[in-house]
Protein backbone atom coordinates (compact mmCIF):
# COMPACT_ATOMS: atom_id res chain seq x y z
CA MET A 1 95.94 100.20 50.75
CA LYS A 2 93.63 100.61 47.81
CA THR A 3 95.47 98.38 45.49
CA ILE A 4 97.03 95.79 47.96
CA TYR A 5 93.72 93.60 48.16
CA LYS A 6 93.84 93.28 44.40
CA ARG A 7 97.21 92.01 44.63
CA PHE A 8 96.49 89.35 47.67
CA ASN A 9 93.77 87.99 45.17
CA ASP A 10 96.13 87.49 42.38
CA LEU A 11 98.76 85.62 44.70
CA ASN A 12 99.01 81.70 44.09
CA TRP A 13 97.65 80.29 47.58
CA ASP A 14 98.22 76.62 48.34
CA ASP A 15 94.60 75.78 49.42
CA ASN A 16 95.99 72.89 51.72
CA ILE A 17 97.34 75.68 53.96
CA GLU A 18 95.32 75.85 57.23
CA PRO A 19 95.27 79.32 58.51
CA LEU A 20 95.75 79.66 62.19
CA ASP A 21 94.14 81.90 64.38
CA VAL A 22 96.45 84.68 65.90
CA SER A 23 95.20 86.42 69.16
CA GLU A 24 95.54 89.94 70.28
CA GLU A 25 98.32 88.78 72.49
CA GLU A 26 100.41 87.01 70.21
CA LYS A 27 100.18 90.06 67.80
CA MET A 28 101.23 92.49 70.38
CA ASP A 29 104.25 89.98 71.56
CA MET A 30 105.29 90.06 68.02
CA LYS A 31 105.24 93.90 67.89
CA ASN A 32 107.09 93.95 71.17
CA ARG A 33 109.85 91.81 70.05
CA VAL A 34 110.65 93.95 67.18
CA THR A 35 110.42 97.38 68.99
CA LYS A 36 112.32 95.79 72.04
CA LYS A 37 115.28 95.78 69.79
CA ILE A 38 115.49 99.68 70.09
CA ARG A 39 117.90 99.80 72.51
CA LYS A 40 117.61 102.12 75.59
CA SER A 41 121.07 103.69 75.66
CA ARG A 42 122.45 106.23 73.62
CA ARG A 43 124.23 104.22 71.27
CA VAL A 44 121.74 102.47 69.47
CA PRO A 45 122.68 99.23 66.94
CA LYS A 46 121.37 98.55 63.88
CA VAL A 47 117.86 97.25 64.04
CA TRP A 48 116.52 95.37 60.64
CA ARG A 49 113.36 94.18 59.71
CA ASN A 50 112.09 92.00 56.64
CA ILE A 51 108.96 92.98 54.91
CA ALA A 52 106.95 90.08 53.20
CA ALA A 53 105.58 90.80 49.62
CA ALA A 54 102.07 90.23 50.90
CA ALA A 55 102.30 91.63 54.71
CA VAL A 56 104.06 93.66 57.02
CA VAL A 57 105.57 92.58 60.03
CA THR A 58 106.11 96.77 61.17
CA ILE A 59 115.56 98.65 59.68
CA ALA A 60 135.63 101.40 50.14
CA SER A 61 135.88 101.76 46.79
CA ILE A 62 133.92 99.40 44.21
CA ALA A 63 134.58 97.99 41.07
CA THR A 64 131.29 98.96 38.86
CA ILE A 65 130.91 96.83 35.57
CA GLY A 66 128.47 97.43 32.96
CA ILE A 67 129.39 101.09 32.45
CA GLY A 68 127.99 102.51 29.25
CA PHE A 69 124.87 100.29 29.10
CA PRO A 70 121.53 100.75 31.10
CA THR A 71 121.05 99.17 34.39
CA LEU A 72 118.80 95.88 34.89
CA ALA A 73 115.78 97.95 35.69
CA ASN A 74 115.97 99.97 32.50
CA GLN A 75 116.21 96.68 30.62
CA ILE A 76 112.94 95.22 31.85
CA PRO A 77 110.20 97.38 30.09
CA ILE A 78 107.72 96.82 32.99
CA VAL A 79 110.12 98.20 35.59
CA ASN A 80 111.23 101.53 34.24
CA ASN A 81 110.36 102.61 37.64
CA ILE A 82 110.79 100.62 40.66
CA PHE A 83 109.58 103.06 43.04
CA ALA A 84 106.40 103.07 41.07
CA LEU A 85 106.22 99.23 41.59
CA PHE A 86 105.91 99.58 45.37
CA ASN A 87 103.76 102.94 45.13
CA ASP A 88 100.52 101.15 44.62
CA GLU A 89 100.85 99.25 48.09
CA GLN A 90 102.08 102.27 49.65
CA ASP A 91 99.13 104.47 49.18
CA GLU A 92 101.32 106.72 46.49
CA PHE A 93 103.85 107.19 49.22
CA TYR A 94 106.74 107.04 46.65
CA SER A 95 105.27 109.12 44.19
CA LYS A 96 107.98 111.93 44.05
CA TYR A 97 110.95 109.71 44.87
CA GLU A 98 112.32 108.90 41.46
CA GLU A 99 112.19 112.41 40.31
CA PHE A 100 114.53 113.46 43.23
CA ALA A 101 116.54 109.96 43.47
CA THR A 102 120.29 109.72 42.70
CA GLY A 103 120.78 107.27 39.71
CA ILE A 104 123.48 105.06 41.35
CA GLY A 105 123.75 102.34 38.42
CA GLN A 106 126.52 100.11 39.99
CA VAL A 107 126.31 96.57 39.11
CA GLN A 108 128.29 93.53 40.59
CA THR A 109 128.12 89.84 39.65
CA SER A 110 129.00 87.19 42.04
CA ASN A 111 127.97 83.31 42.13
CA GLY A 112 126.07 83.70 38.88
CA ILE A 113 123.79 86.37 40.06
CA THR A 114 123.76 90.14 38.96
CA MET A 115 122.90 92.93 41.54
CA THR A 116 122.44 96.35 40.59
CA VAL A 117 122.04 99.27 42.80
CA ASP A 118 119.50 101.52 40.61
CA TYR A 119 118.46 104.54 42.57
CA ALA A 120 118.82 106.02 46.11
CA VAL A 121 117.39 109.07 47.90
CA TYR A 122 118.25 110.68 51.29
CA ASP A 123 115.40 112.95 52.47
CA GLY A 124 117.46 114.11 55.57
CA LYS A 125 116.09 111.34 57.67
CA THR A 126 115.89 108.08 55.82
CA ILE A 127 117.77 106.49 53.03
CA THR A 128 115.62 104.90 50.48
CA MET A 129 117.42 102.69 48.03
CA THR A 130 115.93 100.40 44.97
CA TYR A 131 117.69 97.41 43.36
CA SER A 132 117.58 94.85 40.81
CA VAL A 133 118.71 91.20 40.64
CA GLU A 134 119.10 88.93 37.75
CA THR A 135 119.91 85.12 37.89
CA GLU A 136 121.18 82.43 35.64
CA LYS A 137 118.42 80.27 36.65
CA GLU A 138 114.87 80.54 38.48
CA ILE A 139 115.55 80.50 42.32
CA GLY A 140 111.98 80.87 43.60
CA GLU A 141 109.08 82.83 44.29
CA ASN A 142 109.52 83.92 48.00
CA ILE A 143 112.88 84.99 48.29
CA GLY A 144 114.86 88.24 49.73
CA VAL A 145 118.07 89.82 50.44
CA ASN A 146 118.49 90.59 54.30
CA ALA A 147 121.24 92.90 54.54
CA PRO A 148 121.69 96.11 56.49
CA VAL A 149 122.39 99.47 54.96
CA ASN A 150 125.55 100.83 56.99
CA VAL A 151 126.21 104.67 56.88
CA LYS A 152 129.54 106.14 57.98
CA ASP A 153 129.33 107.92 61.26
CA GLU A 154 125.99 106.69 62.29
CA ILE A 155 125.74 105.51 66.16
CA GLY A 156 122.70 103.17 65.15
CA GLY A 157 119.56 102.89 63.16
CA THR A 158 116.76 101.27 62.10
CA GLY A 159 115.62 99.95 58.54
CA THR A 160 113.35 97.60 56.46
CA THR A 161 113.89 95.45 53.43
CA THR A 162 111.39 94.25 51.05
CA ALA A 163 110.87 90.75 49.78
CA LEU A 164 112.00 90.61 46.15
CA LYS A 165 109.21 91.11 43.57
CA LYS A 166 109.73 88.51 40.68
CA VAL A 167 109.24 90.35 37.36
CA SER A 168 110.31 87.51 35.14
CA ASP A 169 111.61 83.88 35.33
CA THR A 170 115.21 85.27 36.36
CA GLN A 171 114.61 88.91 37.05
CA TYR A 172 113.75 90.60 40.50
CA VAL A 173 113.51 93.99 42.02
CA GLY A 174 113.40 95.32 45.59
CA MET A 175 113.65 98.15 47.93
CA VAL A 176 115.62 98.88 51.27
CA THR A 177 115.27 101.65 53.53
CA SER A 178 117.54 102.88 56.30
CA THR A 179 117.29 105.50 59.01
CA PRO A 180 120.77 106.25 60.56
CA ILE A 181 121.03 108.00 63.83
CA PHE A 182 123.85 110.30 64.25
CA ASN A 183 125.33 112.49 67.14
CA ASN A 184 125.66 115.45 64.11
CA LYS A 185 123.47 114.83 61.37
CA PRO A 186 125.51 115.44 58.09
CA LYS A 187 124.29 117.04 54.85
CA GLU A 188 125.47 114.11 52.88
CA VAL A 189 125.91 110.50 53.58
CA ILE A 190 128.36 107.64 52.72
CA VAL A 191 126.58 104.52 52.08
CA ASN A 192 128.04 100.90 52.39
CA TRP A 193 125.72 97.77 51.26
CA GLU A 194 127.07 94.53 51.10
CA PRO A 195 124.54 91.66 50.84
CA GLY A 196 126.00 88.53 51.36
CA SER A 197 123.49 85.89 50.17
CA ILE A 198 119.88 85.54 48.88
CA ILE A 199 117.61 83.21 50.72
CA ASN A 200 114.23 81.46 49.40
CA GLN A 201 112.06 81.94 52.52
CA ASP A 202 110.09 78.60 51.30
CA THR A 203 113.08 76.15 51.12
CA MET A 204 115.45 78.35 53.21
CA ASN A 205 118.08 77.45 50.60
CA GLU A 206 120.89 80.33 50.50
CA VAL A 207 122.79 81.59 47.29
CA LYS A 208 125.84 83.26 48.98
CA GLY A 209 127.68 85.98 47.07
CA ASN A 210 129.97 88.78 47.45
CA TRP A 211 128.03 92.04 46.32
CA LYS A 212 129.77 95.41 47.49
CA PHE A 213 128.27 98.64 46.92
CA ASN A 214 129.36 102.49 48.19
CA PHE A 215 127.90 105.56 47.11
CA THR A 216 127.28 109.13 48.48
CA LEU A 217 124.04 110.99 48.86
CA LYS A 218 123.15 114.37 49.34
CA GLU A 219 120.18 115.43 51.61
CA VAL A 220 117.00 116.63 49.59
CA ARG A 221 116.84 120.16 50.96
CA GLY A 222 113.78 120.84 52.94
CA ASP A 223 112.12 123.59 55.15
CA ILE A 224 112.06 123.03 58.98
CA GLN A 225 109.23 124.02 61.26
CA THR A 226 110.08 123.95 64.93
CA VAL A 227 106.99 123.12 66.78
CA GLY A 228 107.41 122.34 70.56
CA GLN A 229 103.65 121.37 71.25
CA SER A 230 102.47 118.44 73.48
CA SER A 231 99.64 116.51 74.94
CA ALA A 232 99.73 114.50 78.02
CA GLU A 233 97.53 111.92 80.07
CA ASN A 234 98.02 108.99 82.40
CA GLY A 235 101.68 109.67 83.06
CA VAL A 236 102.82 109.94 79.06
CA GLU A 237 103.38 113.24 77.62
CA VAL A 238 103.92 113.27 73.96
CA TRP A 239 105.87 116.39 72.05
CA ILE A 240 105.85 117.25 68.35
CA ASN A 241 109.24 118.63 68.10
CA GLU A 242 109.79 119.49 64.41
CA ILE A 243 108.23 119.07 61.11
CA ARG A 244 110.67 119.02 58.08
CA SER A 245 109.27 119.38 54.56
CA THR A 246 110.99 118.38 51.46
CA ASP A 247 109.89 117.86 47.68
CA ILE A 248 109.38 114.10 48.45
CA SER A 249 108.11 113.94 52.15
CA THR A 250 107.54 115.07 55.40
CA VAL A 251 109.47 114.04 58.50
CA ILE A 252 107.98 114.32 61.94
CA GLU A 253 110.40 114.35 64.80
CA TYR A 254 108.67 113.70 68.08
CA ASN A 255 109.37 112.46 71.70
CA GLN A 256 107.61 110.87 74.61
CA LYS A 257 108.07 111.12 78.25
CA VAL A 258 106.83 108.40 80.75
CA ASP A 259 106.49 108.57 84.38
CA THR A 260 108.56 106.18 86.75
CA SER A 261 105.30 104.96 87.96
CA VAL A 262 104.13 103.74 84.58
CA LEU A 263 107.43 102.11 83.99
CA GLU A 264 107.34 100.26 87.23
CA GLU A 265 103.94 98.47 86.13
CA TRP A 266 104.48 98.28 81.99
CA GLU A 267 107.44 96.96 80.24
CA TRP A 268 107.53 99.02 77.43
CA VAL A 269 105.81 102.05 76.13
CA THR A 270 105.12 102.90 72.49
CA THR A 271 103.61 105.91 70.85
CA ASP A 272 102.37 105.84 67.13
CA LEU A 273 101.04 109.11 65.00
CA GLU A 274 97.76 109.48 62.97
CA VAL A 275 98.02 112.49 61.08
CA VAL A 276 95.22 114.14 59.23
CA ASP A 277 95.06 118.02 58.15
CA ASN A 278 92.04 120.67 58.50
CA LEU A 279 90.83 119.61 55.17
CA GLY A 280 90.18 116.08 56.20
CA ASN A 281 93.16 114.39 54.33
CA LYS A 282 94.70 111.51 56.14
CA TYR A 283 98.23 111.07 55.65
CA ARG A 284 99.94 107.60 55.68
CA VAL A 285 102.57 107.42 58.25
CA ASN A 286 105.51 105.25 58.21
CA SER A 287 107.47 105.08 61.32
CA ASN A 288 111.24 105.20 61.21
CA GLY A 289 111.94 103.95 64.89
CA GLY A 290 113.62 105.53 67.61
CA TYR A 291 115.79 105.35 70.58
CA SER A 292 115.96 106.32 74.23
CA GLU A 293 118.96 107.78 76.41
CA GLU A 294 117.22 107.03 79.98
CA GLU A 295 114.51 104.91 79.44
CA GLN A 296 111.93 107.66 80.08
CA ASN A 297 112.32 109.98 77.09
CA PHE A 298 112.16 108.25 73.92
CA TYR A 299 113.05 109.88 70.48
CA TRP A 300 110.84 108.72 67.67
CA SER A 301 110.65 109.76 63.88
CA ALA A 302 108.23 109.22 61.27
CA THR A 303 107.77 109.97 57.52
CA MET A 304 104.79 110.75 55.59
CA GLN A 305 103.54 112.03 52.32
CA ASN A 306 103.81 115.87 50.99
CA VAL A 307 101.30 117.71 53.15
CA ASP A 308 98.42 119.33 50.84
CA LYS A 309 99.53 122.57 49.56
CA ASN A 310 96.02 124.20 50.69
CA ALA A 311 96.31 122.78 54.15
CA ALA A 312 96.44 125.33 56.77
CA SER A 313 97.31 122.84 59.98
CA LEU A 314 98.26 119.38 61.01
CA ILE A 315 96.26 117.55 63.64
CA PHE A 316 98.46 114.53 65.36
CA LYS A 317 96.85 112.04 67.18
CA PRO A 318 99.21 110.13 69.34
CA GLU A 319 98.29 106.59 70.23
CA VAL A 320 100.11 105.08 73.30
CA VAL A 321 100.41 101.61 73.79
CA TRP A 322 101.49 100.20 77.29
CA SER A 323 102.78 96.42 77.14
CA LYS A 324 103.99 93.62 78.89
CA GLU A 325 105.73 90.91 76.67
CA GLY A 326 103.36 88.27 75.67
CA LYS A 327 100.81 88.84 78.37
CA GLU A 328 99.25 92.13 78.38
CA HIS A 329 98.69 95.48 76.60
CA GLN A 330 96.50 98.43 76.87
CA SER A 331 96.15 101.50 74.56
CA PHE A 332 94.73 104.82 74.63
CA THR A 333 94.56 108.09 72.55
CA LEU A 334 95.91 111.39 73.75
CA ASP A 335 94.19 114.60 73.07
CA PRO A 336 95.00 115.72 69.53
CA ILE A 337 97.82 118.27 68.66
CA GLU A 338 96.74 120.82 66.12
CA VAL A 339 100.28 122.47 64.51
CA ILE A 340 99.54 125.72 62.43
CA LEU A 341 101.64 125.52 59.44
CA LYS A 342 104.01 128.13 58.37
CA LYS A 343 103.75 129.12 54.74
């Protein structure tokens, strides 16, 4: 978050807007509305979230034109690396993504708008894709493309899409992530993305189009460490199951088991992780969402930056939140789980 406050100061605010107080209950209600969409069955539908430019509310063949000339991102001098544009706001989370990403370079034009999928990368858990938009005329400041990424053989998943960043009067860039859930995880994924429209969030004007992208990504190879350590209290037990380290990120697989007595009193139970290492480094953790098969055993995953090569262990601090939609919530932190890293 080290640069996001500077970006807030650069935004053009309307001085006539009156701020509204939001209670803790209302904040929790919003979180519940998002997390509630993680279905409590084996087959999990796609859950999609929009991420605004200034704030997060916590996601066939193709005719490729323009072959032989650089993609839109490379035509804009200030956006040679779209990952870098989002990196500052994410505490250097995407530092190595461009190096290991696959150049897609697929371009589609529809209804006067040219859309380009520039780069994409699959870390074995989450697909991260950057894209560019060029319009014939200015269509606003606060615009977004809200379309889920579909992956062959997925049984469900979660994802996010950022608001488009305006880089000139008629040029924009954006990022999409998707975390598919498979019965049997493949070594490569076949991705299909078909945005149906671009929406101005201020006026709600919608520009419809017919853009279709299809491509294949191989996973970035990683080393897997099986863990199997847990911490429990108040009828909730959290297990750290697996740590997968790749050249671009570290993926944590974990699950929570909840006693029936807790679910009889509380409507929803979620667990987030805070992660530090033995050297004192704190890591940014992006949740990938999860699913449940029996309502008591929830499976989650999260992605964070690469672990410091000098670190000997990771310390996981599970924060558990009990909640009743729009009414009440409680939170507590379980005893830390320290995992010695295999070198």
